[in-house]
Amino acid sequence: MSNYQSSLLRLLEERGYIHQLTDAEGLDALAAKQVVPGYIGFDATAPSLHIGSLVQIMMLRRLQQTGHKPVVLMGGGTTRIGDPTGRDESRKMLSDETIEANIASIRTIFARLLQFGDGPTDAVMVNNHDWLGQLGYIELLQQVGTHFTVNRMLTFDSVRLRLEREQPMTFLEFNYMILQGYDFRHLAKESAVRLQMGGSDQWGNIVNGVELGRRMDGAELFGLTTPLLTTADGAKMGKTAAGAVWLNEDALPAYDFWQYWRNCDDRDVGRFLRLFTDLPLDEIARLEALEGSEINAAKVVLANEVTRLCRGEEAAEASAATAAATFAGGGLGAELPVFALPPEGLSIVDALVGIGFATSRGEAKRLVTGGGARVDGVAITDENHRISGDSGELRISSGKKKHGVLRPA
């Protein structure tokens, strides 16, 4: 562990948020002596963010918890272009009305996790369309473009990987990193923002903004990234076989959200408790040390705490009660039908027929495409979905009342 003086960096390190820092010593000294406004950008490509963005939102929460000012940057302007990072194709263009509606919807999750207001450490939400939309093209080329070289831009992963895979990148997308860098410079100049945070895939874009602020205004700015967040089995956080795990209630019911955390890998429990809850570290250490079936108690705590933060106390209690009622009577599988899961796995359709929830493959397919089939609480809507033979014991459900167990043969 590092010897950080500021409560901000100590907390971020203790809970596992820090991957890279542009100037750890400088940021530590600044955060120890004054309020540091810091921001993270979120594009508004859908009415809800998914849990892949939750670690970023929690970093803003940690910023506020340690006496600093969170700035939520909504990409009303950059959404119109599309971040090429990690993508093989151009993002679909959205109308102005859709983007504005998405921003209004996304705000609800931030309102739960941050305290907004006019105070020195109160969170604020800004929209980069307010300044990017006013920036003339010639002005952009003259004032900003001169600080970027194409040679260096071609080395960034967001560009290099796309070109290596021989996937086309539009000139529009190529400009994304310039506009993101300009965002940092604008916020530093107009709102005294000194820190940009983000995922590790944003490191190049963040460094661009730090350097642009220094070159244009002589500003001392800082960047911090989190590690790439994956589950213990290597899957990208926020993605499941059934699709994204959305943060907003109208995009994903609270019970399904709760179940995602309850069904996480044993190896992820401690890390997720540190990143996504406010539980004290000593309590987290106790929970992650549980072994065997006792680790399930820690998973229930995780599900309750994250659901409480993101959906509210009532949603957390209702989800936990529903789970307890559904699988009452002892451990998993008690008084529930059981079907043997072969080593080679099987399709969701065959599983539903095998356990008796459908009398034919046709009926099972209709159940799946109609949204009535779930595995471990996650809806499966693809009739070709396969359940791995090494998945361990799984819950399978048809609608809200039929539940069973898939158990390795």
Protein backbone atom coordinates (compact mmCIF):
# COMPACT_ATOMS: atom_id res chain seq x y z
CA MET A 1 0.00 0.00 0.00
CA SER A 2 1.20 3.51 -0.78
CA ASN A 3 1.75 6.21 1.81
CA TYR A 4 -0.91 8.63 0.57
CA GLN A 5 -1.57 11.72 2.68
CA SER A 6 -5.01 12.53 1.29
CA SER A 7 -8.11 10.67 2.41
CA LEU A 8 -9.19 10.56 -1.25
CA LEU A 9 -6.31 8.48 -2.56
CA ARG A 10 -6.13 6.37 0.59
CA LEU A 11 -9.79 5.40 0.21
CA LEU A 12 -9.52 4.77 -3.53
CA GLU A 13 -6.48 2.55 -3.03
CA GLU A 14 -7.92 0.62 -0.07
CA ARG A 15 -11.04 -0.23 -2.04
CA GLY A 16 -9.25 -1.18 -5.26
CA TYR A 17 -10.12 1.68 -7.61
CA ILE A 18 -6.65 2.81 -8.68
CA HIS A 19 -4.96 1.48 -11.80
CA GLN A 20 -3.04 4.43 -13.25
CA LEU A 21 -2.29 7.98 -12.09
CA THR A 22 -0.67 10.69 -14.20
CA ASP A 23 0.97 12.28 -11.14
CA ALA A 24 0.18 10.48 -7.88
CA GLU A 25 2.32 12.73 -5.70
CA GLY A 26 0.91 15.94 -7.14
CA LEU A 27 -2.73 14.83 -6.89
CA ASP A 28 -2.19 13.52 -3.36
CA ALA A 29 -0.74 16.86 -2.23
CA LEU A 30 -3.55 18.82 -3.88
CA ALA A 31 -6.32 16.63 -2.41
CA ALA A 32 -4.76 16.90 1.07
CA LYS A 33 -4.98 20.70 1.10
CA GLN A 34 -8.11 21.70 -0.86
CA VAL A 35 -11.40 20.61 -2.41
CA VAL A 36 -10.66 18.96 -5.77
CA PRO A 37 -13.43 19.07 -8.39
CA GLY A 38 -13.18 15.86 -10.43
CA TYR A 39 -15.24 14.56 -13.32
CA ILE A 40 -16.12 11.47 -15.30
CA GLY A 41 -17.87 11.53 -18.67
CA PHE A 42 -20.85 9.39 -19.65
CA ASP A 43 -22.32 9.26 -23.14
CA ALA A 44 -26.12 9.09 -23.37
CA THR A 45 -26.54 6.24 -25.85
CA ALA A 46 -29.45 4.60 -23.96
CA PRO A 47 -32.04 5.61 -21.33
CA SER A 48 -29.99 3.81 -18.66
CA LEU A 49 -26.38 3.06 -17.87
CA HIS A 50 -25.51 -0.55 -17.03
CA ILE A 51 -23.42 -1.86 -14.16
CA GLY A 52 -20.26 -1.58 -16.23
CA SER A 53 -20.55 2.14 -15.42
CA LEU A 54 -21.26 1.61 -11.73
CA VAL A 55 -17.60 1.55 -10.68
CA GLN A 56 -17.21 5.00 -12.27
CA ILE A 57 -20.28 6.33 -10.48
CA MET A 58 -18.98 4.90 -7.20
CA MET A 59 -15.67 6.71 -7.75
CA LEU A 60 -17.59 9.99 -7.90
CA ARG A 61 -19.33 8.92 -4.69
CA ARG A 62 -15.92 8.25 -3.05
CA LEU A 63 -14.78 11.67 -4.24
CA GLN A 64 -17.71 13.28 -2.44
CA GLN A 65 -17.34 11.08 0.65
CA THR A 66 -13.79 12.38 1.13
CA GLY A 67 -14.76 16.05 0.87
CA HIS A 68 -14.31 16.75 -2.83
CA LYS A 69 -16.65 17.84 -5.62
CA PRO A 70 -18.06 15.36 -8.18
CA VAL A 71 -18.80 16.67 -11.67
CA VAL A 72 -20.95 14.40 -13.82
CA LEU A 73 -20.30 15.17 -17.47
CA MET A 74 -23.08 14.01 -19.76
CA GLY A 75 -21.94 13.68 -23.35
CA GLY A 76 -24.76 15.47 -25.10
CA GLY A 77 -22.19 16.57 -27.68
CA THR A 78 -19.88 13.55 -27.85
CA THR A 79 -22.83 11.13 -28.03
CA ARG A 80 -23.49 12.66 -31.42
CA ILE A 81 -20.09 11.35 -32.54
CA GLY A 82 -19.52 8.11 -30.65
CA ASP A 83 -16.53 6.87 -28.69
CA PRO A 84 -14.65 4.37 -30.91
CA THR A 85 -12.92 2.76 -27.91
CA GLY A 86 -13.43 -1.01 -27.93
CA ARG A 87 -15.79 -0.91 -30.91
CA ASP A 88 -15.59 -2.47 -34.36
CA GLU A 89 -18.29 -0.37 -35.97
CA SER A 90 -19.65 3.13 -35.86
CA ARG A 91 -22.28 3.96 -33.25
CA LYS A 92 -25.82 4.54 -34.45
CA MET A 93 -26.70 8.21 -34.74
CA LEU A 94 -29.33 9.41 -32.27
CA SER A 95 -31.67 12.38 -32.59
CA ASP A 96 -31.26 15.41 -30.33
CA GLU A 97 -34.59 14.58 -28.66
CA THR A 98 -33.50 11.01 -27.90
CA ILE A 99 -30.21 12.15 -26.41
CA GLU A 100 -31.92 14.69 -24.16
CA ALA A 101 -34.48 12.09 -23.02
CA ASN A 102 -31.67 9.63 -22.28
CA ILE A 103 -29.82 12.21 -20.17
CA ALA A 104 -32.95 12.95 -18.14
CA SER A 105 -33.46 9.23 -17.52
CA ILE A 106 -29.81 8.56 -16.64
CA ARG A 107 -29.81 11.38 -14.09
CA THR A 108 -32.01 9.33 -11.76
CA ILE A 109 -29.21 6.89 -10.84
CA PHE A 110 -26.82 9.73 -10.04
CA ALA A 111 -29.47 11.35 -7.85
CA ARG A 112 -29.49 8.19 -5.71
CA LEU A 113 -25.72 7.95 -5.30
CA LEU A 114 -24.60 11.59 -5.15
CA GLN A 115 -25.71 14.68 -3.23
CA PHE A 116 -26.46 17.45 -5.73
CA GLY A 117 -26.64 21.13 -4.81
CA ASP A 118 -24.80 24.44 -4.77
CA GLY A 119 -22.33 23.72 -1.95
CA PRO A 120 -18.55 23.41 -2.42
CA THR A 121 -18.68 19.59 -2.37
CA ASP A 122 -22.14 19.13 -3.87
CA ALA A 123 -22.30 17.27 -7.16
CA VAL A 124 -23.20 19.02 -10.39
CA MET A 125 -24.21 17.63 -13.78
CA VAL A 126 -23.05 19.37 -16.95
CA ASN A 127 -23.62 18.67 -20.65
CA ASN A 128 -20.72 19.02 -23.08
CA HIS A 129 -23.09 19.97 -25.87
CA ASP A 130 -23.35 23.36 -24.13
CA TRP A 131 -19.80 24.19 -25.25
CA LEU A 132 -19.00 21.73 -28.02
CA GLY A 133 -22.19 22.77 -29.81
CA GLN A 134 -20.93 26.36 -29.86
CA LEU A 135 -17.42 25.53 -31.01
CA GLY A 136 -16.80 26.52 -34.62
CA TYR A 137 -14.95 24.09 -36.86
CA ILE A 138 -12.25 26.57 -37.86
CA GLU A 139 -11.83 27.57 -34.21
CA LEU A 140 -11.47 23.91 -33.23
CA LEU A 141 -8.82 23.33 -35.90
CA GLN A 142 -6.84 26.45 -35.04
CA GLN A 143 -6.98 26.39 -31.24
CA VAL A 144 -7.14 22.69 -30.46
CA GLY A 145 -6.10 20.73 -33.54
CA THR A 146 -2.57 22.14 -33.50
CA HIS A 147 -1.90 20.34 -30.19
CA PHE A 148 -2.66 16.87 -31.62
CA THR A 149 -0.50 14.98 -34.09
CA VAL A 150 -1.98 12.32 -36.33
CA ASN A 151 1.12 10.22 -35.69
CA ARG A 152 0.30 9.95 -32.00
CA MET A 153 -3.45 9.65 -32.49
CA LEU A 154 -2.84 6.55 -34.61
CA THR A 155 -1.04 4.87 -31.70
CA PHE A 156 -4.02 4.99 -29.32
CA ASP A 157 -5.80 1.68 -28.85
CA SER A 158 -9.19 3.09 -29.85
CA VAL A 159 -7.77 3.82 -33.32
CA ARG A 160 -4.96 1.27 -33.69
CA LEU A 161 -7.03 -1.79 -32.84
CA ARG A 162 -9.84 -0.77 -35.17
CA LEU A 163 -7.39 -0.32 -38.05
CA GLU A 164 -5.54 -3.55 -37.29
CA ARG A 165 -8.83 -5.43 -37.58
CA GLU A 166 -9.42 -3.63 -40.88
CA GLN A 167 -12.64 -2.14 -39.55
CA PRO A 168 -13.49 1.29 -40.96
CA MET A 169 -13.23 4.35 -38.73
CA THR A 170 -14.99 7.50 -39.83
CA PHE A 171 -13.35 10.91 -39.64
CA LEU A 172 -16.17 11.81 -37.26
CA GLU A 173 -15.07 9.12 -34.78
CA PHE A 174 -11.41 10.03 -35.24
CA ASN A 175 -12.25 13.44 -33.76
CA TYR A 176 -13.69 11.95 -30.55
CA MET A 177 -10.43 12.03 -28.62
CA ILE A 178 -9.90 15.68 -29.55
CA LEU A 179 -13.31 16.65 -28.23
CA GLN A 180 -12.84 14.63 -25.03
CA GLY A 181 -9.52 16.35 -24.45
CA TYR A 182 -11.20 19.70 -25.04
CA ASP A 183 -13.87 18.81 -22.45
CA PHE A 184 -11.19 18.55 -19.75
CA ARG A 185 -9.59 21.80 -20.82
CA HIS A 186 -12.98 23.58 -20.81
CA LEU A 187 -13.99 22.25 -17.39
CA ALA A 188 -10.60 23.18 -15.94
CA LYS A 189 -10.83 26.71 -17.28
CA GLU A 190 -14.50 27.39 -16.55
CA SER A 191 -15.19 25.27 -13.44
CA ALA A 192 -11.74 24.76 -11.83
CA VAL A 193 -11.91 20.99 -12.44
CA ARG A 194 -8.50 19.45 -11.78
CA LEU A 195 -9.11 15.71 -12.09
CA GLN A 196 -10.55 13.40 -14.72
CA MET A 197 -11.28 9.77 -13.83
CA GLY A 198 -12.36 6.83 -15.95
CA GLY A 199 -11.80 3.21 -16.90
CA SER A 200 -8.39 1.99 -18.00
CA ASP A 201 -9.54 2.04 -21.65
CA GLN A 202 -9.84 5.83 -21.35
CA TRP A 203 -6.21 6.40 -20.31
CA GLY A 204 -5.12 7.80 -23.67
CA ASN A 205 -8.06 10.18 -23.85
CA ILE A 206 -7.46 11.36 -20.28
CA VAL A 207 -3.75 11.98 -20.89
CA ASN A 208 -4.70 13.98 -23.99
CA GLY A 209 -6.86 16.25 -21.84
CA VAL A 210 -4.14 16.68 -19.19
CA GLU A 211 -1.63 17.67 -21.87
CA LEU A 212 -4.07 19.92 -23.74
CA GLY A 213 -4.83 21.92 -20.57
CA ARG A 214 -1.12 22.33 -19.92
CA ARG A 215 -0.33 23.43 -23.48
CA MET A 216 -3.25 25.82 -23.94
CA ASP A 217 -3.52 27.31 -20.44
CA GLY A 218 -0.53 26.14 -18.41
CA ALA A 219 -2.93 24.28 -16.13
CA GLU A 220 -1.82 21.47 -13.83
CA LEU A 221 -4.36 18.70 -14.33
CA PHE A 222 -4.51 15.09 -13.18
CA GLY A 223 -5.83 11.78 -14.47
CA LEU A 224 -6.78 8.56 -12.69
CA THR A 225 -8.07 5.28 -14.12
CA THR A 226 -9.59 2.15 -12.61
CA PRO A 227 -8.57 -1.39 -13.56
CA LEU A 228 -10.47 -3.07 -16.37
CA LEU A 229 -13.43 -4.56 -14.54
CA THR A 230 -14.15 -8.20 -15.34
CA THR A 231 -15.74 -10.99 -13.36
CA ALA A 232 -13.61 -13.84 -11.99
CA ASP A 233 -14.35 -15.95 -15.06
CA GLY A 234 -13.06 -13.20 -17.37
CA ALA A 235 -16.43 -11.88 -18.57
CA LYS A 236 -16.88 -8.15 -19.07
CA MET A 237 -18.69 -6.53 -16.16
CA GLY A 238 -22.27 -5.62 -16.96
CA LYS A 239 -22.86 -8.24 -19.63
CA THR A 240 -24.71 -11.53 -19.22
CA ALA A 241 -26.09 -14.16 -21.57
CA ALA A 242 -29.42 -12.38 -21.31
CA GLY A 243 -28.00 -8.92 -22.06
CA ALA A 244 -26.91 -5.88 -20.09
CA VAL A 245 -27.60 -5.48 -16.36
CA TRP A 246 -29.17 -2.03 -16.39
CA LEU A 247 -29.09 0.37 -13.44
CA ASN A 248 -32.55 1.93 -13.98
CA GLU A 249 -35.64 0.16 -12.65
CA ASP A 250 -37.63 0.63 -15.86
CA ALA A 251 -34.85 -1.09 -17.83
CA LEU A 252 -34.40 -4.05 -15.44
CA PRO A 253 -36.66 -5.06 -12.52
CA ALA A 254 -35.17 -4.76 -9.05
CA TYR A 255 -35.41 -8.50 -8.39
CA ASP A 256 -33.38 -9.32 -11.51
CA PHE A 257 -30.84 -6.68 -10.49
CA TRP A 258 -30.64 -8.17 -6.98
CA GLN A 259 -30.22 -11.67 -8.39
CA TYR A 260 -27.24 -10.64 -10.52
CA TRP A 261 -25.27 -9.77 -7.39
CA ARG A 262 -26.59 -12.73 -5.40
CA ASN A 263 -25.36 -15.08 -8.12
CA CYS A 264 -21.87 -13.66 -8.55
CA ASP A 265 -18.82 -15.89 -8.47
CA ASP A 266 -17.50 -16.67 -4.97
CA ARG A 267 -14.16 -15.16 -5.97
CA ASP A 268 -15.76 -11.78 -6.75
CA VAL A 269 -17.57 -11.23 -3.44
CA GLY A 270 -14.86 -9.32 -1.55
CA ARG A 271 -13.86 -7.18 -4.51
CA PHE A 272 -17.46 -6.28 -5.32
CA LEU A 273 -18.19 -5.41 -1.69
CA ARG A 274 -15.23 -3.01 -1.66
CA LEU A 275 -16.11 -1.38 -4.97
CA PHE A 276 -19.89 -1.25 -4.85
CA THR A 277 -20.91 -0.86 -1.18
CA ASP A 278 -20.18 1.45 1.74
CA LEU A 279 -19.62 -1.41 4.20
CA PRO A 280 -16.55 -0.96 6.45
CA LEU A 281 -13.44 -2.79 5.26
CA ASP A 282 -13.22 -4.95 8.38
CA GLU A 283 -16.77 -6.20 7.82
CA ILE A 284 -15.95 -6.91 4.17
CA ALA A 285 -12.86 -8.88 5.26
CA ARG A 286 -15.06 -10.99 7.54
CA LEU A 287 -17.60 -11.67 4.80
CA GLU A 288 -15.12 -12.60 2.09
CA ALA A 289 -13.39 -15.03 4.46
CA LEU A 290 -16.55 -17.17 4.67
CA GLU A 291 -16.17 -20.56 3.03
CA GLY A 292 -18.36 -23.22 1.47
CA SER A 293 -22.08 -22.57 1.51
CA GLU A 294 -21.59 -19.76 4.06
CA ILE A 295 -20.30 -17.48 1.28
CA ASN A 296 -23.92 -17.32 0.09
CA ALA A 297 -24.70 -15.18 3.14
CA ALA A 298 -22.07 -12.70 1.95
CA LYS A 299 -23.63 -12.69 -1.49
CA VAL A 300 -27.01 -11.82 -0.01
CA VAL A 301 -25.37 -8.92 1.85
CA LEU A 302 -23.77 -7.79 -1.42
CA ALA A 303 -27.07 -7.99 -3.31
CA ASN A 304 -28.91 -6.14 -0.54
CA GLU A 305 -26.33 -3.36 -0.25
CA VAL A 306 -25.93 -2.68 -3.98
CA THR A 307 -29.68 -2.82 -4.60
CA ARG A 308 -30.25 -0.47 -1.66
CA LEU A 309 -27.81 2.07 -3.11
CA CYS A 310 -29.05 1.88 -6.69
CA ARG A 311 -32.76 1.13 -6.25
CA GLY A 312 -33.61 2.13 -2.69
CA GLU A 313 -34.35 0.39 0.63
CA GLU A 314 -37.81 -0.82 -0.36
CA ALA A 315 -36.56 -2.47 -3.56
CA ALA A 316 -33.74 -4.23 -1.69
CA GLU A 317 -36.06 -5.58 1.01
CA ALA A 318 -38.70 -6.70 -1.51
CA SER A 319 -36.10 -8.47 -3.67
CA ALA A 320 -34.58 -10.29 -0.70
CA ALA A 321 -38.05 -11.33 0.50
CA THR A 322 -39.01 -12.61 -2.94
CA ALA A 323 -35.82 -14.66 -3.15
CA ALA A 324 -36.37 -16.10 0.31
CA ALA A 325 -39.97 -17.04 -0.49
CA THR A 326 -39.08 -18.54 -3.86
CA PHE A 327 -36.32 -20.76 -2.53
CA ALA A 328 -37.60 -21.37 0.99
CA GLY A 329 -37.35 -24.72 2.72
CA GLY A 330 -33.61 -25.07 3.14
CA GLY A 331 -30.76 -24.96 0.68
CA LEU A 332 -30.90 -24.68 -3.08
CA GLY A 333 -32.92 -27.51 -4.46
CA ALA A 334 -34.98 -28.28 -1.36
CA GLU A 335 -38.47 -29.39 -2.45
CA LEU A 336 -37.71 -28.26 -6.00
CA PRO A 337 -37.53 -30.47 -9.11
CA VAL A 338 -33.99 -31.39 -10.14
CA PHE A 339 -32.62 -32.17 -13.60
CA ALA A 340 -29.15 -33.54 -14.31
CA LEU A 341 -26.88 -31.16 -16.22
CA PRO A 342 -24.66 -33.26 -18.55
CA PRO A 343 -20.91 -32.53 -18.76
CA GLU A 344 -21.26 -31.24 -22.32
CA GLY A 345 -24.03 -28.86 -21.25
CA LEU A 346 -27.41 -28.47 -22.92
CA SER A 347 -29.63 -25.87 -24.51
CA ILE A 348 -32.09 -23.79 -22.52
CA VAL A 349 -34.86 -25.41 -24.57
CA ASP A 350 -33.79 -28.95 -23.61
CA ALA A 351 -33.39 -27.90 -19.99
CA LEU A 352 -36.96 -26.58 -19.83
CA VAL A 353 -38.33 -29.77 -21.39
CA GLY A 354 -36.12 -32.00 -19.25
CA ILE A 355 -37.18 -30.47 -15.95
CA GLY A 356 -40.84 -30.56 -16.97
CA PHE A 357 -41.56 -26.87 -17.46
CA ALA A 358 -42.50 -27.46 -21.11
CA THR A 359 -44.05 -30.50 -22.77
CA SER A 360 -42.29 -29.98 -26.11
CA ARG A 361 -39.37 -28.13 -27.63
CA GLY A 362 -41.82 -25.84 -29.43
CA GLU A 363 -43.49 -24.87 -26.17
CA ALA A 364 -40.07 -24.34 -24.59
CA LYS A 365 -38.98 -22.07 -27.46
CA ARG A 366 -42.12 -19.96 -27.06
CA LEU A 367 -41.45 -19.71 -23.34
CA VAL A 368 -37.91 -18.47 -24.01
CA THR A 369 -38.75 -15.95 -26.75
CA GLY A 370 -41.63 -14.69 -24.63
CA GLY A 371 -39.27 -13.81 -21.78
CA GLY A 372 -40.56 -16.42 -19.36
CA ALA A 373 -37.36 -18.45 -18.89
CA ARG A 374 -34.68 -17.57 -16.34
CA VAL A 375 -31.44 -19.12 -15.19
CA ASP A 376 -30.21 -17.95 -11.79
CA GLY A 377 -32.67 -15.09 -11.97
CA VAL A 378 -31.45 -13.80 -15.34
CA ALA A 379 -33.92 -13.82 -18.23
CA ILE A 380 -32.84 -15.94 -21.22
CA THR A 381 -34.52 -14.81 -24.43
CA ASP A 382 -32.29 -16.57 -27.00
CA GLU A 383 -33.65 -20.04 -27.80
CA ASN A 384 -30.12 -21.09 -28.88
CA HIS A 385 -28.58 -20.22 -25.52
CA ARG A 386 -26.51 -23.08 -24.08
CA ILE A 387 -25.95 -23.81 -20.42
CA SER A 388 -22.39 -24.90 -19.70
CA GLY A 389 -21.87 -28.30 -18.10
CA ASP A 390 -19.36 -26.88 -15.62
CA SER A 391 -21.64 -24.09 -14.36
CA GLY A 392 -22.29 -25.79 -11.02
CA GLU A 393 -25.75 -25.90 -9.48
CA LEU A 394 -28.15 -23.46 -11.14
CA ARG A 395 -31.73 -22.31 -10.58
CA ILE A 396 -34.02 -22.53 -13.59
CA SER A 397 -37.39 -20.79 -13.60
CA SER A 398 -40.47 -20.63 -15.78
CA GLY A 399 -42.43 -17.49 -15.06
CA LYS A 400 -42.71 -16.43 -11.42
CA LYS A 401 -44.01 -19.65 -9.89
CA LYS A 402 -42.16 -22.60 -11.41
CA HIS A 403 -38.62 -23.12 -10.14
CA GLY A 404 -36.17 -25.99 -10.31
CA VAL A 405 -32.52 -26.94 -10.09
CA LEU A 406 -30.00 -27.92 -12.75
CA ARG A 407 -27.39 -30.06 -11.02
CA PRO A 408 -24.18 -31.39 -12.62
CA ALA A 409 -24.57 -35.09 -13.45
